[in-house]
Amino acid sequence: MNTKLTLRLDDHLIKSAKEYSAKTGKSVSKIVSDLFVIIKNEKLKKSSSVTPTVQSLKGILKDAKLTENDYKNHLNEKYL
């Protein structure tokens, strides 16, 4: 659902936004919408931080030569 939003900006910002809009072929509304999506995604990235334990494990298997079959064999040995 699209809802109208009124923004009050300095004249020079409006002029710049309209120039950028013409150059990119995007409406000013789409540009503002894209900006809000970027802000929302950055906020989600910050709020989904990993725990220190998980962070300490990051990259630990980088040079390991393990395959999916190795993992399946491990599970078979552990649970069967």
PDB file of N, CA and C in Angstrom:
ATOM      1  N   MET A   1       0.845  -1.178   0.000  1.00  0.00           N
ATOM      2  CA  MET A   1       0.000   0.000   0.000  1.00  0.00           C
ATOM      3  C   MET A   1       0.892   1.244   0.000  1.00  0.00           C
ATOM      4  N   ASN A   2       0.662   2.124  -0.918  1.00  0.00           N
ATOM      5  CA  ASN A   2       1.424   3.372  -0.984  1.00  0.00           C
ATOM      6  C   ASN A   2       0.637   4.480  -0.293  1.00  0.00           C
ATOM      7  N   THR A   3       1.322   5.234   0.525  1.00  0.00           N
ATOM      8  CA  THR A   3       0.722   6.346   1.241  1.00  0.00           C
ATOM      9  C   THR A   3       1.526   7.598   0.951  1.00  0.00           C
ATOM     10  N   LYS A   4       0.834   8.703   0.828  1.00  0.00           N
ATOM     11  CA  LYS A   4       1.499   9.964   0.528  1.00  0.00           C
ATOM     12  C   LYS A   4       2.245  10.470   1.757  1.00  0.00           C
ATOM     13  N   LEU A   5       3.449  11.003   1.526  1.00  0.00           N
ATOM     14  CA  LEU A   5       4.276  11.568   2.586  1.00  0.00           C
ATOM     15  C   LEU A   5       4.783  12.913   2.112  1.00  0.00           C
ATOM     16  N   THR A   6       4.610  13.926   2.927  1.00  0.00           N
ATOM     17  CA  THR A   6       5.103  15.259   2.577  1.00  0.00           C
ATOM     18  C   THR A   6       6.402  15.512   3.314  1.00  0.00           C
ATOM     19  N   LEU A   7       7.425  15.899   2.564  1.00  0.00           N
ATOM     20  CA  LEU A   7       8.717  16.230   3.158  1.00  0.00           C
ATOM     21  C   LEU A   7       8.991  17.712   2.980  1.00  0.00           C
ATOM     22  N   ARG A   8       9.545  18.334   3.980  1.00  0.00           N
ATOM     23  CA  ARG A   8       9.941  19.727   3.884  1.00  0.00           C
ATOM     24  C   ARG A   8      11.458  19.766   3.864  1.00  0.00           C
ATOM     25  N   LEU A   9      11.996  20.250   2.727  1.00  0.00           N
ATOM     26  CA  LEU A   9      13.445  20.281   2.534  1.00  0.00           C
ATOM     27  C   LEU A   9      13.868  21.640   2.013  1.00  0.00           C
ATOM     28  N   ASP A  10      15.147  21.929   2.184  1.00  0.00           N
ATOM     29  CA  ASP A  10      15.696  23.157   1.609  1.00  0.00           C
ATOM     30  C   ASP A  10      15.567  23.110   0.091  1.00  0.00           C
ATOM     31  N   ASP A  11      15.425  24.286  -0.492  1.00  0.00           N
ATOM     32  CA  ASP A  11      15.266  24.376  -1.946  1.00  0.00           C
ATOM     33  C   ASP A  11      16.416  23.713  -2.699  1.00  0.00           C
ATOM     34  N   HIS A  12      17.635  23.893  -2.219  1.00  0.00           N
ATOM     35  CA  HIS A  12      18.784  23.319  -2.927  1.00  0.00           C
ATOM     36  C   HIS A  12      18.768  21.790  -2.883  1.00  0.00           C
ATOM     37  N   LEU A  13      18.248  21.210  -1.809  1.00  0.00           N
ATOM     38  CA  LEU A  13      18.138  19.753  -1.729  1.00  0.00           C
ATOM     39  C   LEU A  13      17.088  19.233  -2.705  1.00  0.00           C
ATOM     40  N   ILE A  14      15.992  19.951  -2.806  1.00  0.00           N
ATOM     41  CA  ILE A  14      14.933  19.563  -3.743  1.00  0.00           C
ATOM     42  C   ILE A  14      15.455  19.631  -5.169  1.00  0.00           C
ATOM     43  N   LYS A  15      16.180  20.696  -5.475  1.00  0.00           N
ATOM     44  CA  LYS A  15      16.756  20.854  -6.816  1.00  0.00           C
ATOM     45  C   LYS A  15      17.723  19.706  -7.118  1.00  0.00           C
ATOM     46  N   SER A  16      18.578  19.390  -6.155  1.00  0.00           N
ATOM     47  CA  SER A  16      19.537  18.295  -6.331  1.00  0.00           C
ATOM     48  C   SER A  16      18.823  16.960  -6.509  1.00  0.00           C
ATOM     49  N   ALA A  17      17.779  16.746  -5.731  1.00  0.00           N
ATOM     50  CA  ALA A  17      17.024  15.494  -5.830  1.00  0.00           C
ATOM     51  C   ALA A  17      16.365  15.361  -7.203  1.00  0.00           C
ATOM     52  N   LYS A  18      15.819  16.450  -7.711  1.00  0.00           N
ATOM     53  CA  LYS A  18      15.174  16.416  -9.021  1.00  0.00           C
ATOM     54  C   LYS A  18      16.202  16.205 -10.131  1.00  0.00           C
ATOM     55  N   GLU A  19      17.378  16.798 -10.001  1.00  0.00           N
ATOM     56  CA  GLU A  19      18.441  16.590 -10.990  1.00  0.00           C
ATOM     57  C   GLU A  19      18.900  15.134 -10.982  1.00  0.00           C
ATOM     58  N   TYR A  20      19.088  14.596  -9.796  1.00  0.00           N
ATOM     59  CA  TYR A  20      19.503  13.201  -9.673  1.00  0.00           C
ATOM     60  C   TYR A  20      18.421  12.280 -10.235  1.00  0.00           C
ATOM     61  N   SER A  21      17.169  12.631  -9.964  1.00  0.00           N
ATOM     62  CA  SER A  21      16.041  11.863 -10.479  1.00  0.00           C
ATOM     63  C   SER A  21      16.047  11.823 -12.002  1.00  0.00           C
ATOM     64  N   ALA A  22      16.254  12.966 -12.614  1.00  0.00           N
ATOM     65  CA  ALA A  22      16.285  13.033 -14.076  1.00  0.00           C
ATOM     66  C   ALA A  22      17.470  12.253 -14.637  1.00  0.00           C
ATOM     67  N   LYS A  23      18.602  12.326 -13.959  1.00  0.00           N
ATOM     68  CA  LYS A  23      19.811  11.655 -14.430  1.00  0.00           C
ATOM     69  C   LYS A  23      19.678  10.135 -14.345  1.00  0.00           C
ATOM     70  N   THR A  24      19.047   9.644 -13.277  1.00  0.00           N
ATOM     71  CA  THR A  24      18.953   8.197 -13.061  1.00  0.00           C
ATOM     72  C   THR A  24      17.687   7.581 -13.624  1.00  0.00           C
ATOM     73  N   GLY A  25      16.698   8.414 -13.931  1.00  0.00           N
ATOM     74  CA  GLY A  25      15.433   7.889 -14.431  1.00  0.00           C
ATOM     75  C   GLY A  25      14.534   7.338 -13.337  1.00  0.00           C
ATOM     76  N   LYS A  26      14.863   7.633 -12.095  1.00  0.00           N
ATOM     77  CA  LYS A  26      14.044   7.211 -10.958  1.00  0.00           C
ATOM     78  C   LYS A  26      13.286   8.416 -10.429  1.00  0.00           C
ATOM     79  N   SER A  27      12.081   8.171  -9.946  1.00  0.00           N
ATOM     80  CA  SER A  27      11.335   9.270  -9.343  1.00  0.00           C
ATOM     81  C   SER A  27      11.961   9.631  -7.995  1.00  0.00           C
ATOM     82  N   VAL A  28      11.691  10.854  -7.554  1.00  0.00           N
ATOM     83  CA  VAL A  28      12.189  11.283  -6.239  1.00  0.00           C
ATOM     84  C   VAL A  28      11.594  10.381  -5.157  1.00  0.00           C
ATOM     85  N   SER A  29      10.346   9.993  -5.319  1.00  0.00           N
ATOM     86  CA  SER A  29       9.719   9.089  -4.348  1.00  0.00           C
ATOM     87  C   SER A  29      10.469   7.761  -4.262  1.00  0.00           C
ATOM     88  N   LYS A  30      10.867   7.222  -5.415  1.00  0.00           N
ATOM     89  CA  LYS A  30      11.601   5.952  -5.437  1.00  0.00           C
ATOM     90  C   LYS A  30      12.965   6.112  -4.784  1.00  0.00           C
ATOM     91  N   ILE A  31      13.623   7.229  -5.025  1.00  0.00           N
ATOM     92  CA  ILE A  31      14.936   7.483  -4.420  1.00  0.00           C
ATOM     93  C   ILE A  31      14.813   7.534  -2.895  1.00  0.00           C
ATOM     94  N   VAL A  32      13.807   8.246  -2.407  1.00  0.00           N
ATOM     95  CA  VAL A  32      13.590   8.342  -0.957  1.00  0.00           C
ATOM     96  C   VAL A  32      13.236   6.971  -0.395  1.00  0.00           C
ATOM     97  N   SER A  33      12.391   6.230  -1.109  1.00  0.00           N
ATOM     98  CA  SER A  33      12.010   4.888  -0.675  1.00  0.00           C
ATOM     99  C   SER A  33      13.237   3.981  -0.581  1.00  0.00           C
ATOM    100  N   ASP A  34      14.110   4.041  -1.596  1.00  0.00           N
ATOM    101  CA  ASP A  34      15.337   3.240  -1.585  1.00  0.00           C
ATOM    102  C   ASP A  34      16.214   3.596  -0.385  1.00  0.00           C
ATOM    103  N   LEU A  35      16.290   4.879  -0.066  1.00  0.00           N
ATOM    104  CA  LEU A  35      17.079   5.308   1.086  1.00  0.00           C
ATOM    105  C   LEU A  35      16.525   4.714   2.378  1.00  0.00           C
ATOM    106  N   PHE A  36      15.210   4.726   2.529  1.00  0.00           N
ATOM    107  CA  PHE A  36      14.610   4.159   3.740  1.00  0.00           C
ATOM    108  C   PHE A  36      14.849   2.654   3.830  1.00  0.00           C
ATOM    109  N   VAL A  37      14.863   1.971   2.699  1.00  0.00           N
ATOM    110  CA  VAL A  37      15.159   0.535   2.691  1.00  0.00           C
ATOM    111  C   VAL A  37      16.599   0.299   3.143  1.00  0.00           C
ATOM    112  N   ILE A  38      17.520   1.118   2.667  1.00  0.00           N
ATOM    113  CA  ILE A  38      18.925   0.997   3.073  1.00  0.00           C
ATOM    114  C   ILE A  38      19.055   1.208   4.574  1.00  0.00           C
ATOM    115  N   ILE A  39      18.394   2.222   5.091  1.00  0.00           N
ATOM    116  CA  ILE A  39      18.449   2.506   6.533  1.00  0.00           C
ATOM    117  C   ILE A  39      17.884   1.330   7.323  1.00  0.00           C
ATOM    118  N   LYS A  40      16.766   0.784   6.864  1.00  0.00           N
ATOM    119  CA  LYS A  40      16.141  -0.352   7.538  1.00  0.00           C
ATOM    120  C   LYS A  40      17.076  -1.557   7.545  1.00  0.00           C
ATOM    121  N   ASN A  41      17.720  -1.841   6.402  1.00  0.00           N
ATOM    122  CA  ASN A  41      18.626  -2.991   6.314  1.00  0.00           C
ATOM    123  C   ASN A  41      19.849  -2.815   7.202  1.00  0.00           C
ATOM    124  N   GLU A  42      20.377  -1.600   7.302  1.00  0.00           N
ATOM    125  CA  GLU A  42      21.515  -1.352   8.186  1.00  0.00           C
ATOM    126  C   GLU A  42      21.124  -1.580   9.638  1.00  0.00           C
ATOM    127  N   LYS A  43      19.924  -1.173   9.981  1.00  0.00           N
ATOM    128  CA  LYS A  43      19.439  -1.365  11.346  1.00  0.00           C
ATOM    129  C   LYS A  43      19.293  -2.856  11.646  1.00  0.00           C
ATOM    130  N   LEU A  44      18.799  -3.631  10.665  1.00  0.00           N
ATOM    131  CA  LEU A  44      18.656  -5.070  10.864  1.00  0.00           C
ATOM    132  C   LEU A  44      20.012  -5.742  11.029  1.00  0.00           C
ATOM    133  N   LYS A  45      21.007  -5.293  10.270  1.00  0.00           N
ATOM    134  CA  LYS A  45      22.344  -5.866  10.384  1.00  0.00           C
ATOM    135  C   LYS A  45      22.911  -5.646  11.780  1.00  0.00           C
ATOM    136  N   LYS A  46      22.714  -4.454  12.303  1.00  0.00           N
ATOM    137  CA  LYS A  46      23.247  -4.133  13.627  1.00  0.00           C
ATOM    138  C   LYS A  46      22.520  -4.907  14.716  1.00  0.00           C
ATOM    139  N   SER A  47      21.202  -5.103  14.559  1.00  0.00           N
ATOM    140  CA  SER A  47      20.433  -5.764  15.605  1.00  0.00           C
ATOM    141  C   SER A  47      20.625  -7.274  15.599  1.00  0.00           C
ATOM    142  N   SER A  48      21.130  -7.837  14.509  1.00  0.00           N
ATOM    143  CA  SER A  48      21.326  -9.277  14.454  1.00  0.00           C
ATOM    144  C   SER A  48      22.803  -9.629  14.633  1.00  0.00           C
ATOM    145  N   SER A  49      23.426  -9.000  15.589  1.00  0.00           N
ATOM    146  CA  SER A  49      24.844  -9.259  15.824  1.00  0.00           C
ATOM    147  C   SER A  49      25.021 -10.664  16.385  1.00  0.00           C
ATOM    148  N   VAL A  50      26.152 -11.246  16.090  1.00  0.00           N
ATOM    149  CA  VAL A  50      26.431 -12.597  16.559  1.00  0.00           C
ATOM    150  C   VAL A  50      27.042 -12.550  17.947  1.00  0.00           C
ATOM    151  N   THR A  51      26.874 -13.642  18.648  1.00  0.00           N
ATOM    152  CA  THR A  51      27.411 -13.723  20.007  1.00  0.00           C
ATOM    153  C   THR A  51      28.937 -13.850  19.946  1.00  0.00           C
ATOM    154  N   PRO A  52      29.617 -13.536  21.033  1.00  0.00           N
ATOM    155  CA  PRO A  52      31.079 -13.662  21.045  1.00  0.00           C
ATOM    156  C   PRO A  52      31.556 -15.087  20.750  1.00  0.00           C
ATOM    157  N   THR A  53      30.796 -16.078  21.200  1.00  0.00           N
ATOM    158  CA  THR A  53      31.181 -17.469  20.946  1.00  0.00           C
ATOM    159  C   THR A  53      31.153 -17.778  19.463  1.00  0.00           C
ATOM    160  N   VAL A  54      30.067 -17.373  18.802  1.00  0.00           N
ATOM    161  CA  VAL A  54      29.948 -17.607  17.364  1.00  0.00           C
ATOM    162  C   VAL A  54      31.020 -16.810  16.625  1.00  0.00           C
ATOM    163  N   GLN A  55      31.273 -15.596  17.026  1.00  0.00           N
ATOM    164  CA  GLN A  55      32.292 -14.765  16.393  1.00  0.00           C
ATOM    165  C   GLN A  55      33.671 -15.428  16.492  1.00  0.00           C
ATOM    166  N   SER A  56      33.942 -16.072  17.624  1.00  0.00           N
ATOM    167  CA  SER A  56      35.249 -16.714  17.793  1.00  0.00           C
ATOM    168  C   SER A  56      35.413 -17.918  16.865  1.00  0.00           C
ATOM    169  N   LEU A  57      34.315 -18.497  16.393  1.00  0.00           N
ATOM    170  CA  LEU A  57      34.379 -19.654  15.504  1.00  0.00           C
ATOM    171  C   LEU A  57      34.452 -19.267  14.034  1.00  0.00           C
ATOM    172  N   LYS A  58      34.241 -18.015  13.738  1.00  0.00           N
ATOM    173  CA  LYS A  58      34.221 -17.546  12.352  1.00  0.00           C
ATOM    174  C   LYS A  58      35.564 -17.822  11.682  1.00  0.00           C
ATOM    175  N   GLY A  59      35.507 -18.549  10.550  1.00  0.00           N
ATOM    176  CA  GLY A  59      36.697 -18.831   9.763  1.00  0.00           C
ATOM    177  C   GLY A  59      37.545 -19.983  10.267  1.00  0.00           C
ATOM    178  N   ILE A  60      37.098 -20.672  11.296  1.00  0.00           N
ATOM    179  CA  ILE A  60      37.920 -21.722  11.898  1.00  0.00           C
ATOM    180  C   ILE A  60      38.153 -22.892  10.942  1.00  0.00           C
ATOM    181  N   LEU A  61      37.220 -23.134  10.024  1.00  0.00           N
ATOM    182  CA  LEU A  61      37.352 -24.238   9.072  1.00  0.00           C
ATOM    183  C   LEU A  61      37.743 -23.775   7.676  1.00  0.00           C
ATOM    184  N   LYS A  62      38.279 -22.581   7.561  1.00  0.00           N
ATOM    185  CA  LYS A  62      38.574 -21.986   6.262  1.00  0.00           C
ATOM    186  C   LYS A  62      39.461 -22.879   5.400  1.00  0.00           C
ATOM    187  N   ASP A  63      40.493 -23.452   5.952  1.00  0.00           N
ATOM    188  CA  ASP A  63      41.426 -24.264   5.178  1.00  0.00           C
ATOM    189  C   ASP A  63      41.183 -25.763   5.325  1.00  0.00           C
ATOM    190  N   ALA A  64      40.109 -26.140   5.986  1.00  0.00           N
ATOM    191  CA  ALA A  64      39.812 -27.559   6.182  1.00  0.00           C
ATOM    192  C   ALA A  64      39.329 -28.176   4.876  1.00  0.00           C
ATOM    193  N   LYS A  65      39.735 -29.398   4.639  1.00  0.00           N
ATOM    194  CA  LYS A  65      39.341 -30.112   3.420  1.00  0.00           C
ATOM    195  C   LYS A  65      38.199 -31.080   3.755  1.00  0.00           C
ATOM    196  N   LEU A  66      37.076 -30.535   4.205  1.00  0.00           N
ATOM    197  CA  LEU A  66      35.931 -31.358   4.586  1.00  0.00           C
ATOM    198  C   LEU A  66      34.866 -31.308   3.500  1.00  0.00           C
ATOM    199  N   THR A  67      34.161 -32.425   3.353  1.00  0.00           N
ATOM    200  CA  THR A  67      33.086 -32.500   2.370  1.00  0.00           C
ATOM    201  C   THR A  67      31.776 -32.779   3.075  1.00  0.00           C
ATOM    202  N   GLU A  68      30.717 -32.755   2.309  1.00  0.00           N
ATOM    203  CA  GLU A  68      29.399 -33.068   2.862  1.00  0.00           C
ATOM    204  C   GLU A  68      29.363 -34.518   3.347  1.00  0.00           C
ATOM    205  N   ASN A  69      30.048 -35.403   2.649  1.00  0.00           N
ATOM    206  CA  ASN A  69      30.103 -36.809   3.066  1.00  0.00           C
ATOM    207  C   ASN A  69      30.816 -36.971   4.400  1.00  0.00           C
ATOM    208  N   ASP A  70      31.847 -36.177   4.636  1.00  0.00           N
ATOM    209  CA  ASP A  70      32.526 -36.211   5.934  1.00  0.00           C
ATOM    210  C   ASP A  70      31.543 -35.879   7.052  1.00  0.00           C
ATOM    211  N   TYR A  71      30.722 -34.886   6.811  1.00  0.00           N
ATOM    212  CA  TYR A  71      29.735 -34.492   7.816  1.00  0.00           C
ATOM    213  C   TYR A  71      28.704 -35.597   8.023  1.00  0.00           C
ATOM    214  N   LYS A  72      28.249 -36.210   6.930  1.00  0.00           N
ATOM    215  CA  LYS A  72      27.266 -37.301   7.041  1.00  0.00           C
ATOM    216  C   LYS A  72      27.870 -38.478   7.807  1.00  0.00           C
ATOM    217  N   ASN A  73      29.123 -38.806   7.517  1.00  0.00           N
ATOM    218  CA  ASN A  73      29.793 -39.896   8.242  1.00  0.00           C
ATOM    219  C   ASN A  73      29.897 -39.575   9.724  1.00  0.00           C
ATOM    220  N   HIS A  74      30.217 -38.346  10.041  1.00  0.00           N
ATOM    221  CA  HIS A  74      30.291 -37.920  11.448  1.00  0.00           C
ATOM    222  C   HIS A  74      28.946 -38.121  12.137  1.00  0.00           C
ATOM    223  N   LEU A  75      27.872 -37.711  11.472  1.00  0.00           N
ATOM    224  CA  LEU A  75      26.543 -37.887  12.079  1.00  0.00           C
ATOM    225  C   LEU A  75      26.177 -39.355  12.233  1.00  0.00           C
ATOM    226  N   ASN A  76      26.531 -40.167  11.243  1.00  0.00           N
ATOM    227  CA  ASN A  76      26.265 -41.614  11.347  1.00  0.00           C
ATOM    228  C   ASN A  76      27.003 -42.227  12.527  1.00  0.00           C
ATOM    229  N   GLU A  77      28.267 -41.864  12.686  1.00  0.00           N
ATOM    230  CA  GLU A  77      29.054 -42.392  13.802  1.00  0.00           C
ATOM    231  C   GLU A  77      28.510 -41.912  15.138  1.00  0.00           C
ATOM    232  N   LYS A  78      28.058 -40.700  15.187  1.00  0.00           N
ATOM    233  CA  LYS A  78      27.595 -40.119  16.444  1.00  0.00           C
ATOM    234  C   LYS A  78      26.236 -40.671  16.871  1.00  0.00           C
ATOM    235  N   TYR A  79      25.321 -40.843  15.915  1.00  0.00           N
ATOM    236  CA  TYR A  79      23.946 -41.190  16.283  1.00  0.00           C
ATOM    237  C   TYR A  79      23.526 -42.598  15.930  1.00  0.00           C
ATOM    238  N   LEU A  80      24.320 -43.321  15.147  1.00  0.00           N
ATOM    239  CA  LEU A  80      23.909 -44.676  14.767  1.00  0.00           C
ATOM    240  C   LEU A  80      24.804 -45.726  15.368  1.00  0.00           C
TER     241      LEU A  80
END
